[in-house]
Amino acid sequence: MRALTIALATAAAVSLSTAAFADEFLALCDAAQNPQNAKVCKCAAGKLAGADRAAAFEAAKAMKAAMASGKPEDANAVTTKHAKGLEILRTAQATCL
């Protein structure tokens, strides 16, 4: 019985974190400007999990901040982790087109 309770609690925590990520990830998308973008973002958010999800989210936040400033990201400041996050994000988005 205890194992079942732990399993259910774990499943609930994972599903809540996935839902929270999807909401945060979709907030980064400019869905109001392009309905197709909203569709791709929702699809991509569903394909990302675990460490890939965190890396993609951080990369998306950095990319959005750079776009908001009107300046391109500084190539010298891009870390390997950030580049990997962008790669993960682009791959997930490409599978949703």
PDB file of N, CA and C in Angstrom:
ATOM      1  N   MET A   1       0.820  -1.190   0.000  1.00  0.00           N
ATOM      2  CA  MET A   1       0.000   0.000   0.000  1.00  0.00           C
ATOM      3  C   MET A   1       0.873   1.267   0.000  1.00  0.00           C
ATOM      4  N   ARG A   2       1.944   1.212   0.785  1.00  0.00           N
ATOM      5  CA  ARG A   2       2.823   2.374   0.852  1.00  0.00           C
ATOM      6  C   ARG A   2       3.493   2.628  -0.496  1.00  0.00           C
ATOM      7  N   ALA A   3       3.890   1.562  -1.183  1.00  0.00           N
ATOM      8  CA  ALA A   3       4.522   1.706  -2.495  1.00  0.00           C
ATOM      9  C   ALA A   3       3.561   2.346  -3.488  1.00  0.00           C
ATOM     10  N   LEU A   4       2.293   1.975  -3.416  1.00  0.00           N
ATOM     11  CA  LEU A   4       1.280   2.554  -4.303  1.00  0.00           C
ATOM     12  C   LEU A   4       1.123   4.047  -4.029  1.00  0.00           C
ATOM     13  N   THR A   5       1.111   4.417  -2.764  1.00  0.00           N
ATOM     14  CA  THR A   5       0.983   5.823  -2.391  1.00  0.00           C
ATOM     15  C   THR A   5       2.170   6.633  -2.908  1.00  0.00           C
ATOM     16  N   ILE A   6       3.364   6.085  -2.751  1.00  0.00           N
ATOM     17  CA  ILE A   6       4.566   6.769  -3.234  1.00  0.00           C
ATOM     18  C   ILE A   6       4.537   6.892  -4.753  1.00  0.00           C
ATOM     19  N   ALA A   7       4.112   5.834  -5.430  1.00  0.00           N
ATOM     20  CA  ALA A   7       4.036   5.862  -6.892  1.00  0.00           C
ATOM     21  C   ALA A   7       3.040   6.914  -7.370  1.00  0.00           C
ATOM     22  N   LEU A   8       1.895   6.986  -6.718  1.00  0.00           N
ATOM     23  CA  LEU A   8       0.886   7.981  -7.103  1.00  0.00           C
ATOM     24  C   LEU A   8       1.379   9.404  -6.834  1.00  0.00           C
ATOM     25  N   ALA A   9       2.054   9.603  -5.713  1.00  0.00           N
ATOM     26  CA  ALA A   9       2.582  10.930  -5.400  1.00  0.00           C
ATOM     27  C   ALA A   9       3.648  11.340  -6.414  1.00  0.00           C
ATOM     28  N   THR A  10       4.486  10.408  -6.799  1.00  0.00           N
ATOM     29  CA  THR A  10       5.522  10.692  -7.795  1.00  0.00           C
ATOM     30  C   THR A  10       4.896  11.034  -9.142  1.00  0.00           C
ATOM     31  N   ALA A  11       3.903  10.261  -9.546  1.00  0.00           N
ATOM     32  CA  ALA A  11       3.227  10.518 -10.821  1.00  0.00           C
ATOM     33  C   ALA A  11       2.555  11.889 -10.814  1.00  0.00           C
ATOM     34  N   ALA A  12       1.943  12.244  -9.698  1.00  0.00           N
ATOM     35  CA  ALA A  12       1.289  13.546  -9.596  1.00  0.00           C
ATOM     36  C   ALA A  12       2.307  14.676  -9.685  1.00  0.00           C
ATOM     37  N   ALA A  13       3.440  14.514  -9.014  1.00  0.00           N
ATOM     38  CA  ALA A  13       4.479  15.549  -9.049  1.00  0.00           C
ATOM     39  C   ALA A  13       5.035  15.728 -10.450  1.00  0.00           C
ATOM     40  N   VAL A  14       5.251  14.637 -11.151  1.00  0.00           N
ATOM     41  CA  VAL A  14       5.776  14.708 -12.517  1.00  0.00           C
ATOM     42  C   VAL A  14       4.775  15.375 -13.439  1.00  0.00           C
ATOM     43  N   SER A  15       3.506  15.015 -13.320  1.00  0.00           N
ATOM     44  CA  SER A  15       2.500  15.605 -14.208  1.00  0.00           C
ATOM     45  C   SER A  15       2.320  17.089 -13.918  1.00  0.00           C
ATOM     46  N   LEU A  16       2.410  17.487 -12.660  1.00  0.00           N
ATOM     47  CA  LEU A  16       2.292  18.905 -12.327  1.00  0.00           C
ATOM     48  C   LEU A  16       3.488  19.693 -12.831  1.00  0.00           C
ATOM     49  N   SER A  17       4.686  19.125 -12.711  1.00  0.00           N
ATOM     50  CA  SER A  17       5.858  19.849 -13.201  1.00  0.00           C
ATOM     51  C   SER A  17       5.827  19.965 -14.719  1.00  0.00           C
ATOM     52  N   THR A  18       5.321  18.939 -15.398  1.00  0.00           N
ATOM     53  CA  THR A  18       5.195  18.989 -16.855  1.00  0.00           C
ATOM     54  C   THR A  18       4.189  20.053 -17.265  1.00  0.00           C
ATOM     55  N   ALA A  19       3.061  20.124 -16.547  1.00  0.00           N
ATOM     56  CA  ALA A  19       2.048  21.131 -16.861  1.00  0.00           C
ATOM     57  C   ALA A  19       2.582  22.535 -16.602  1.00  0.00           C
ATOM     58  N   ALA A  20       3.302  22.713 -15.506  1.00  0.00           N
ATOM     59  CA  ALA A  20       3.874  24.024 -15.201  1.00  0.00           C
ATOM     60  C   ALA A  20       4.893  24.421 -16.258  1.00  0.00           C
ATOM     61  N   PHE A  21       5.711  23.468 -16.682  1.00  0.00           N
ATOM     62  CA  PHE A  21       6.693  23.754 -17.731  1.00  0.00           C
ATOM     63  C   PHE A  21       5.988  24.160 -19.011  1.00  0.00           C
ATOM     64  N   ALA A  22       4.937  23.420 -19.379  1.00  0.00           N
ATOM     65  CA  ALA A  22       4.229  23.730 -20.619  1.00  0.00           C
ATOM     66  C   ALA A  22       3.693  25.154 -20.578  1.00  0.00           C
ATOM     67  N   ASP A  23       3.129  25.560 -19.432  1.00  0.00           N
ATOM     68  CA  ASP A  23       2.611  26.917 -19.304  1.00  0.00           C
ATOM     69  C   ASP A  23       3.726  27.951 -19.426  1.00  0.00           C
ATOM     70  N   GLU A  24       4.854  27.717 -18.752  1.00  0.00           N
ATOM     71  CA  GLU A  24       5.976  28.653 -18.814  1.00  0.00           C
ATOM     72  C   GLU A  24       6.571  28.694 -20.218  1.00  0.00           C
ATOM     73  N   PHE A  25       6.682  27.531 -20.824  1.00  0.00           N
ATOM     74  CA  PHE A  25       7.247  27.443 -22.165  1.00  0.00           C
ATOM     75  C   PHE A  25       6.348  28.169 -23.160  1.00  0.00           C
ATOM     76  N   LEU A  26       5.040  27.961 -23.062  1.00  0.00           N
ATOM     77  CA  LEU A  26       4.106  28.621 -23.971  1.00  0.00           C
ATOM     78  C   LEU A  26       4.091  30.126 -23.755  1.00  0.00           C
ATOM     79  N   ALA A  27       4.338  30.560 -22.528  1.00  0.00           N
ATOM     80  CA  ALA A  27       4.392  31.996 -22.257  1.00  0.00           C
ATOM     81  C   ALA A  27       5.567  32.641 -22.983  1.00  0.00           C
ATOM     82  N   LEU A  28       6.617  31.866 -23.229  1.00  0.00           N
ATOM     83  CA  LEU A  28       7.767  32.393 -23.969  1.00  0.00           C
ATOM     84  C   LEU A  28       7.464  32.560 -25.456  1.00  0.00           C
ATOM     85  N   CYS A  29       6.491  31.826 -25.937  1.00  0.00           N
ATOM     86  CA  CYS A  29       6.130  31.913 -27.354  1.00  0.00           C
ATOM     87  C   CYS A  29       5.232  33.123 -27.576  1.00  0.00           C
ATOM     88  N   ASP A  30       5.371  33.731 -28.697  1.00  0.00           N
ATOM     89  CA  ASP A  30       4.505  34.861 -29.037  1.00  0.00           C
ATOM     90  C   ASP A  30       3.277  34.331 -29.755  1.00  0.00           C
ATOM     91  N   ALA A  31       2.465  33.585 -29.028  1.00  0.00           N
ATOM     92  CA  ALA A  31       1.317  32.905 -29.610  1.00  0.00           C
ATOM     93  C   ALA A  31       0.301  33.875 -30.207  1.00  0.00           C
ATOM     94  N   ALA A  32       0.164  35.037 -29.610  1.00  0.00           N
ATOM     95  CA  ALA A  32      -0.824  35.995 -30.100  1.00  0.00           C
ATOM     96  C   ALA A  32      -0.476  36.515 -31.490  1.00  0.00           C
ATOM     97  N   GLN A  33       0.805  36.528 -31.816  1.00  0.00           N
ATOM     98  CA  GLN A  33       1.224  37.058 -33.105  1.00  0.00           C
ATOM     99  C   GLN A  33       1.110  36.039 -34.228  1.00  0.00           C
ATOM    100  N   ASN A  34       1.164  34.759 -33.898  1.00  0.00           N
ATOM    101  CA  ASN A  34       1.169  33.738 -34.933  1.00  0.00           C
ATOM    102  C   ASN A  34       0.530  32.455 -34.405  1.00  0.00           C
ATOM    103  N   PRO A  35      -0.689  32.129 -34.844  1.00  0.00           N
ATOM    104  CA  PRO A  35      -1.353  30.913 -34.363  1.00  0.00           C
ATOM    105  C   PRO A  35      -0.555  29.640 -34.654  1.00  0.00           C
ATOM    106  N   GLN A  36       0.164  29.598 -35.766  1.00  0.00           N
ATOM    107  CA  GLN A  36       0.984  28.423 -36.090  1.00  0.00           C
ATOM    108  C   GLN A  36       2.091  28.256 -35.054  1.00  0.00           C
ATOM    109  N   ASN A  37       2.658  29.372 -34.601  1.00  0.00           N
ATOM    110  CA  ASN A  37       3.706  29.332 -33.581  1.00  0.00           C
ATOM    111  C   ASN A  37       3.173  28.716 -32.291  1.00  0.00           C
ATOM    112  N   ALA A  38       1.954  29.058 -31.918  1.00  0.00           N
ATOM    113  CA  ALA A  38       1.351  28.497 -30.708  1.00  0.00           C
ATOM    114  C   ALA A  38       1.206  26.988 -30.826  1.00  0.00           C
ATOM    115  N   LYS A  39       0.810  26.521 -31.997  1.00  0.00           N
ATOM    116  CA  LYS A  39       0.646  25.085 -32.234  1.00  0.00           C
ATOM    117  C   LYS A  39       1.985  24.359 -32.122  1.00  0.00           C
ATOM    118  N   VAL A  40       3.017  24.924 -32.732  1.00  0.00           N
ATOM    119  CA  VAL A  40       4.350  24.314 -32.699  1.00  0.00           C
ATOM    120  C   VAL A  40       4.900  24.326 -31.274  1.00  0.00           C
ATOM    121  N   CYS A  41       4.715  25.429 -30.554  1.00  0.00           N
ATOM    122  CA  CYS A  41       5.212  25.519 -29.182  1.00  0.00           C
ATOM    123  C   CYS A  41       4.542  24.494 -28.277  1.00  0.00           C
ATOM    124  N   LYS A  42       3.242  24.341 -28.415  1.00  0.00           N
ATOM    125  CA  LYS A  42       2.516  23.369 -27.592  1.00  0.00           C
ATOM    126  C   LYS A  42       3.004  21.957 -27.897  1.00  0.00           C
ATOM    127  N   CYS A  43       3.192  21.656 -29.158  1.00  0.00           N
ATOM    128  CA  CYS A  43       3.688  20.343 -29.564  1.00  0.00           C
ATOM    129  C   CYS A  43       5.093  20.110 -29.019  1.00  0.00           C
ATOM    130  N   ALA A  44       5.979  21.089 -29.181  1.00  0.00           N
ATOM    131  CA  ALA A  44       7.367  20.947 -28.729  1.00  0.00           C
ATOM    132  C   ALA A  44       7.433  20.783 -27.213  1.00  0.00           C
ATOM    133  N   ALA A  45       6.609  21.523 -26.492  1.00  0.00           N
ATOM    134  CA  ALA A  45       6.597  21.420 -25.031  1.00  0.00           C
ATOM    135  C   ALA A  45       6.247  20.008 -24.587  1.00  0.00           C
ATOM    136  N   GLY A  46       5.373  19.344 -25.329  1.00  0.00           N
ATOM    137  CA  GLY A  46       4.993  17.977 -24.995  1.00  0.00           C
ATOM    138  C   GLY A  46       6.063  16.950 -25.305  1.00  0.00           C
ATOM    139  N   LYS A  47       7.035  17.310 -26.126  1.00  0.00           N
ATOM    140  CA  LYS A  47       8.084  16.368 -26.525  1.00  0.00           C
ATOM    141  C   LYS A  47       9.339  16.458 -25.660  1.00  0.00           C
ATOM    142  N   LEU A  48       9.422  17.460 -24.813  1.00  0.00           N
ATOM    143  CA  LEU A  48      10.622  17.669 -24.007  1.00  0.00           C
ATOM    144  C   LEU A  48      10.422  17.136 -22.595  1.00  0.00           C
ATOM    145  N   ALA A  49      11.441  16.462 -22.075  1.00  0.00           N
ATOM    146  CA  ALA A  49      11.347  15.909 -20.727  1.00  0.00           C
ATOM    147  C   ALA A  49      12.685  16.006 -20.008  1.00  0.00           C
ATOM    148  N   GLY A  50      12.627  16.033 -18.699  1.00  0.00           N
ATOM    149  CA  GLY A  50      13.817  15.972 -17.860  1.00  0.00           C
ATOM    150  C   GLY A  50      14.827  17.070 -18.112  1.00  0.00           C
ATOM    151  N   ALA A  51      16.084  16.663 -18.207  1.00  0.00           N
ATOM    152  CA  ALA A  51      17.185  17.619 -18.399  1.00  0.00           C
ATOM    153  C   ALA A  51      17.043  18.357 -19.722  1.00  0.00           C
ATOM    154  N   ASP A  52      16.525  17.669 -20.744  1.00  0.00           N
ATOM    155  CA  ASP A  52      16.308  18.326 -22.037  1.00  0.00           C
ATOM    156  C   ASP A  52      15.318  19.473 -21.890  1.00  0.00           C
ATOM    157  N   ARG A  53      14.281  19.253 -21.098  1.00  0.00           N
ATOM    158  CA  ARG A  53      13.256  20.269 -20.886  1.00  0.00           C
ATOM    159  C   ARG A  53      13.872  21.503 -20.225  1.00  0.00           C
ATOM    160  N   ALA A  54      14.678  21.295 -19.202  1.00  0.00           N
ATOM    161  CA  ALA A  54      15.294  22.418 -18.496  1.00  0.00           C
ATOM    162  C   ALA A  54      16.255  23.179 -19.403  1.00  0.00           C
ATOM    163  N   ALA A  55      17.057  22.462 -20.163  1.00  0.00           N
ATOM    164  CA  ALA A  55      18.018  23.109 -21.071  1.00  0.00           C
ATOM    165  C   ALA A  55      17.296  23.903 -22.152  1.00  0.00           C
ATOM    166  N   ALA A  56      16.237  23.330 -22.713  1.00  0.00           N
ATOM    167  CA  ALA A  56      15.475  24.015 -23.762  1.00  0.00           C
ATOM    168  C   ALA A  56      14.792  25.261 -23.215  1.00  0.00           C
ATOM    169  N   PHE A  57      14.254  25.174 -22.004  1.00  0.00           N
ATOM    170  CA  PHE A  57      13.567  26.309 -21.405  1.00  0.00           C
ATOM    171  C   PHE A  57      14.544  27.450 -21.141  1.00  0.00           C
ATOM    172  N   GLU A  58      15.712  27.133 -20.590  1.00  0.00           N
ATOM    173  CA  GLU A  58      16.713  28.168 -20.326  1.00  0.00           C
ATOM    174  C   GLU A  58      17.192  28.808 -21.627  1.00  0.00           C
ATOM    175  N   ALA A  59      17.383  27.999 -22.652  1.00  0.00           N
ATOM    176  CA  ALA A  59      17.802  28.532 -23.954  1.00  0.00           C
ATOM    177  C   ALA A  59      16.715  29.427 -24.546  1.00  0.00           C
ATOM    178  N   ALA A  60      15.461  29.014 -24.416  1.00  0.00           N
ATOM    179  CA  ALA A  60      14.350  29.809 -24.939  1.00  0.00           C
ATOM    180  C   ALA A  60      14.247  31.140 -24.201  1.00  0.00           C
ATOM    181  N   LYS A  61      14.454  31.125 -22.882  1.00  0.00           N
ATOM    182  CA  LYS A  61      14.421  32.372 -22.110  1.00  0.00           C
ATOM    183  C   LYS A  61      15.529  33.320 -22.555  1.00  0.00           C
ATOM    184  N   ALA A  62      16.727  32.789 -22.746  1.00  0.00           N
ATOM    185  CA  ALA A  62      17.856  33.621 -23.174  1.00  0.00           C
ATOM    186  C   ALA A  62      17.618  34.184 -24.572  1.00  0.00           C
ATOM    187  N   MET A  63      17.062  33.360 -25.447  1.00  0.00           N
ATOM    188  CA  MET A  63      16.794  33.796 -26.812  1.00  0.00           C
ATOM    189  C   MET A  63      15.727  34.897 -26.820  1.00  0.00           C
ATOM    190  N   LYS A  64      14.686  34.730 -26.003  1.00  0.00           N
ATOM    191  CA  LYS A  64      13.626  35.736 -25.941  1.00  0.00           C
ATOM    192  C   LYS A  64      14.170  37.050 -25.375  1.00  0.00           C
ATOM    193  N   ALA A  65      15.038  36.961 -24.367  1.00  0.00           N
ATOM    194  CA  ALA A  65      15.629  38.171 -23.789  1.00  0.00           C
ATOM    195  C   ALA A  65      16.480  38.903 -24.822  1.00  0.00           C
ATOM    196  N   ALA A  66      17.234  38.164 -25.606  1.00  0.00           N
ATOM    197  CA  ALA A  66      18.060  38.783 -26.645  1.00  0.00           C
ATOM    198  C   ALA A  66      17.182  39.445 -27.699  1.00  0.00           C
ATOM    199  N   MET A  67      16.106  38.786 -28.078  1.00  0.00           N
ATOM    200  CA  MET A  67      15.205  39.350 -29.086  1.00  0.00           C
ATOM    201  C   MET A  67      14.512  40.596 -28.552  1.00  0.00           C
ATOM    202  N   ALA A  68      14.155  40.589 -27.270  1.00  0.00           N
ATOM    203  CA  ALA A  68      13.486  41.740 -26.672  1.00  0.00           C
ATOM    204  C   ALA A  68      14.412  42.952 -26.617  1.00  0.00           C
ATOM    205  N   SER A  69      15.701  42.701 -26.462  1.00  0.00           N
ATOM    206  CA  SER A  69      16.655  43.812 -26.403  1.00  0.00           C
ATOM    207  C   SER A  69      16.962  44.365 -27.792  1.00  0.00           C
ATOM    208  N   GLY A  70      16.588  43.606 -28.816  1.00  0.00           N
ATOM    209  CA  GLY A  70      16.843  44.047 -30.178  1.00  0.00           C
ATOM    210  C   GLY A  70      18.254  43.769 -30.655  1.00  0.00           C
ATOM    211  N   LYS A  71      18.997  43.046 -29.842  1.00  0.00           N
ATOM    212  CA  LYS A  71      20.381  42.728 -30.197  1.00  0.00           C
ATOM    213  C   LYS A  71      20.534  41.212 -30.298  1.00  0.00           C
ATOM    214  N   PRO A  72      21.384  40.751 -31.192  1.00  0.00           N
ATOM    215  CA  PRO A  72      21.621  39.302 -31.260  1.00  0.00           C
ATOM    216  C   PRO A  72      22.376  38.835 -30.019  1.00  0.00           C
ATOM    217  N   GLU A  73      22.245  37.550 -29.728  1.00  0.00           N
ATOM    218  CA  GLU A  73      22.994  36.996 -28.608  1.00  0.00           C
ATOM    219  C   GLU A  73      24.488  37.095 -28.895  1.00  0.00           C
ATOM    220  N   ASP A  74      25.252  37.362 -27.870  1.00  0.00           N
ATOM    221  CA  ASP A  74      26.706  37.432 -28.007  1.00  0.00           C
ATOM    222  C   ASP A  74      27.242  36.015 -28.165  1.00  0.00           C
ATOM    223  N   ALA A  75      27.805  35.721 -29.309  1.00  0.00           N
ATOM    224  CA  ALA A  75      28.301  34.372 -29.591  1.00  0.00           C
ATOM    225  C   ALA A  75      29.378  33.946 -28.604  1.00  0.00           C
ATOM    226  N   ASN A  76      30.137  34.893 -28.083  1.00  0.00           N
ATOM    227  CA  ASN A  76      31.187  34.564 -27.119  1.00  0.00           C
ATOM    228  C   ASN A  76      30.622  34.183 -25.753  1.00  0.00           C
ATOM    229  N   ALA A  77      29.392  34.609 -25.469  1.00  0.00           N
ATOM    230  CA  ALA A  77      28.785  34.335 -24.171  1.00  0.00           C
ATOM    231  C   ALA A  77      27.968  33.043 -24.165  1.00  0.00           C
ATOM    232  N   VAL A  78      27.766  32.454 -25.314  1.00  0.00           N
ATOM    233  CA  VAL A  78      26.956  31.235 -25.405  1.00  0.00           C
ATOM    234  C   VAL A  78      27.755  30.055 -24.862  1.00  0.00           C
ATOM    235  N   THR A  79      27.190  29.405 -23.858  1.00  0.00           N
ATOM    236  CA  THR A  79      27.850  28.245 -23.264  1.00  0.00           C
ATOM    237  C   THR A  79      27.473  26.986 -24.033  1.00  0.00           C
ATOM    238  N   THR A  80      28.190  25.928 -23.769  1.00  0.00           N
ATOM    239  CA  THR A  80      27.882  24.642 -24.396  1.00  0.00           C
ATOM    240  C   THR A  80      26.483  24.191 -23.996  1.00  0.00           C
ATOM    241  N   LYS A  81      26.138  24.408 -22.722  1.00  0.00           N
ATOM    242  CA  LYS A  81      24.811  24.023 -22.232  1.00  0.00           C
ATOM    243  C   LYS A  81      23.721  24.795 -22.975  1.00  0.00           C
ATOM    244  N   HIS A  82      23.952  26.088 -23.177  1.00  0.00           N
ATOM    245  CA  HIS A  82      22.980  26.924 -23.884  1.00  0.00           C
ATOM    246  C   HIS A  82      22.837  26.474 -25.342  1.00  0.00           C
ATOM    247  N   ALA A  83      23.964  26.205 -25.983  1.00  0.00           N
ATOM    248  CA  ALA A  83      23.928  25.742 -27.377  1.00  0.00           C
ATOM    249  C   ALA A  83      23.191  24.410 -27.479  1.00  0.00           C
ATOM    250  N   LYS A  84      23.417  23.522 -26.517  1.00  0.00           N
ATOM    251  CA  LYS A  84      22.727  22.226 -26.506  1.00  0.00           C
ATOM    252  C   LYS A  84      21.227  22.440 -26.293  1.00  0.00           C
ATOM    253  N   GLY A  85      20.865  23.383 -25.427  1.00  0.00           N
ATOM    254  CA  GLY A  85      19.458  23.695 -25.196  1.00  0.00           C
ATOM    255  C   GLY A  85      18.780  24.201 -26.457  1.00  0.00           C
ATOM    256  N   LEU A  86      19.476  25.054 -27.205  1.00  0.00           N
ATOM    257  CA  LEU A  86      18.927  25.545 -28.474  1.00  0.00           C
ATOM    258  C   LEU A  86      18.759  24.410 -29.477  1.00  0.00           C
ATOM    259  N   GLU A  87      19.736  23.513 -29.508  1.00  0.00           N
ATOM    260  CA  GLU A  87      19.648  22.359 -30.412  1.00  0.00           C
ATOM    261  C   GLU A  87      18.454  21.476 -30.052  1.00  0.00           C
ATOM    262  N   ILE A  88      18.263  21.224 -28.774  1.00  0.00           N
ATOM    263  CA  ILE A  88      17.137  20.405 -28.309  1.00  0.00           C
ATOM    264  C   ILE A  88      15.821  21.080 -28.671  1.00  0.00           C
ATOM    265  N   LEU A  89      15.753  22.383 -28.437  1.00  0.00           N
ATOM    266  CA  LEU A  89      14.543  23.145 -28.732  1.00  0.00           C
ATOM    267  C   LEU A  89      14.220  23.120 -30.220  1.00  0.00           C
ATOM    268  N   ARG A  90      15.204  23.385 -31.054  1.00  0.00           N
ATOM    269  CA  ARG A  90      14.989  23.395 -32.510  1.00  0.00           C
ATOM    270  C   ARG A  90      14.585  22.014 -33.028  1.00  0.00           C
ATOM    271  N   THR A  91      15.192  20.970 -32.492  1.00  0.00           N
ATOM    272  CA  THR A  91      14.847  19.611 -32.915  1.00  0.00           C
ATOM    273  C   THR A  91      13.403  19.289 -32.547  1.00  0.00           C
ATOM    274  N   ALA A  92      12.999  19.645 -31.338  1.00  0.00           N
ATOM    275  CA  ALA A  92      11.617  19.393 -30.915  1.00  0.00           C
ATOM    276  C   ALA A  92      10.642  20.177 -31.784  1.00  0.00           C
ATOM    277  N   GLN A  93      10.970  21.429 -32.070  1.00  0.00           N
ATOM    278  CA  GLN A  93      10.095  22.245 -32.909  1.00  0.00           C
ATOM    279  C   GLN A  93      10.023  21.693 -34.328  1.00  0.00           C
ATOM    280  N   ALA A  94      11.141  21.224 -34.853  1.00  0.00           N
ATOM    281  CA  ALA A  94      11.166  20.701 -36.227  1.00  0.00           C
ATOM    282  C   ALA A  94      10.284  19.470 -36.376  1.00  0.00           C
ATOM    283  N   THR A  95      10.210  18.651 -35.342  1.00  0.00           N
ATOM    284  CA  THR A  95       9.366  17.453 -35.424  1.00  0.00           C
ATOM    285  C   THR A  95       7.886  17.798 -35.345  1.00  0.00           C
ATOM    286  N   CYS A  96       7.586  19.037 -35.007  1.00  0.00           N
ATOM    287  CA  CYS A  96       6.189  19.460 -34.871  1.00  0.00           C
ATOM    288  C   CYS A  96       5.669  20.224 -36.088  1.00  0.00           C
ATOM    289  N   LEU A  97       6.514  20.464 -37.057  1.00  0.00           N
ATOM    290  CA  LEU A  97       6.085  21.232 -38.240  1.00  0.00           C
ATOM    291  C   LEU A  97       5.352  20.358 -39.227  1.00  0.00           C
TER     292      LEU A  97
END
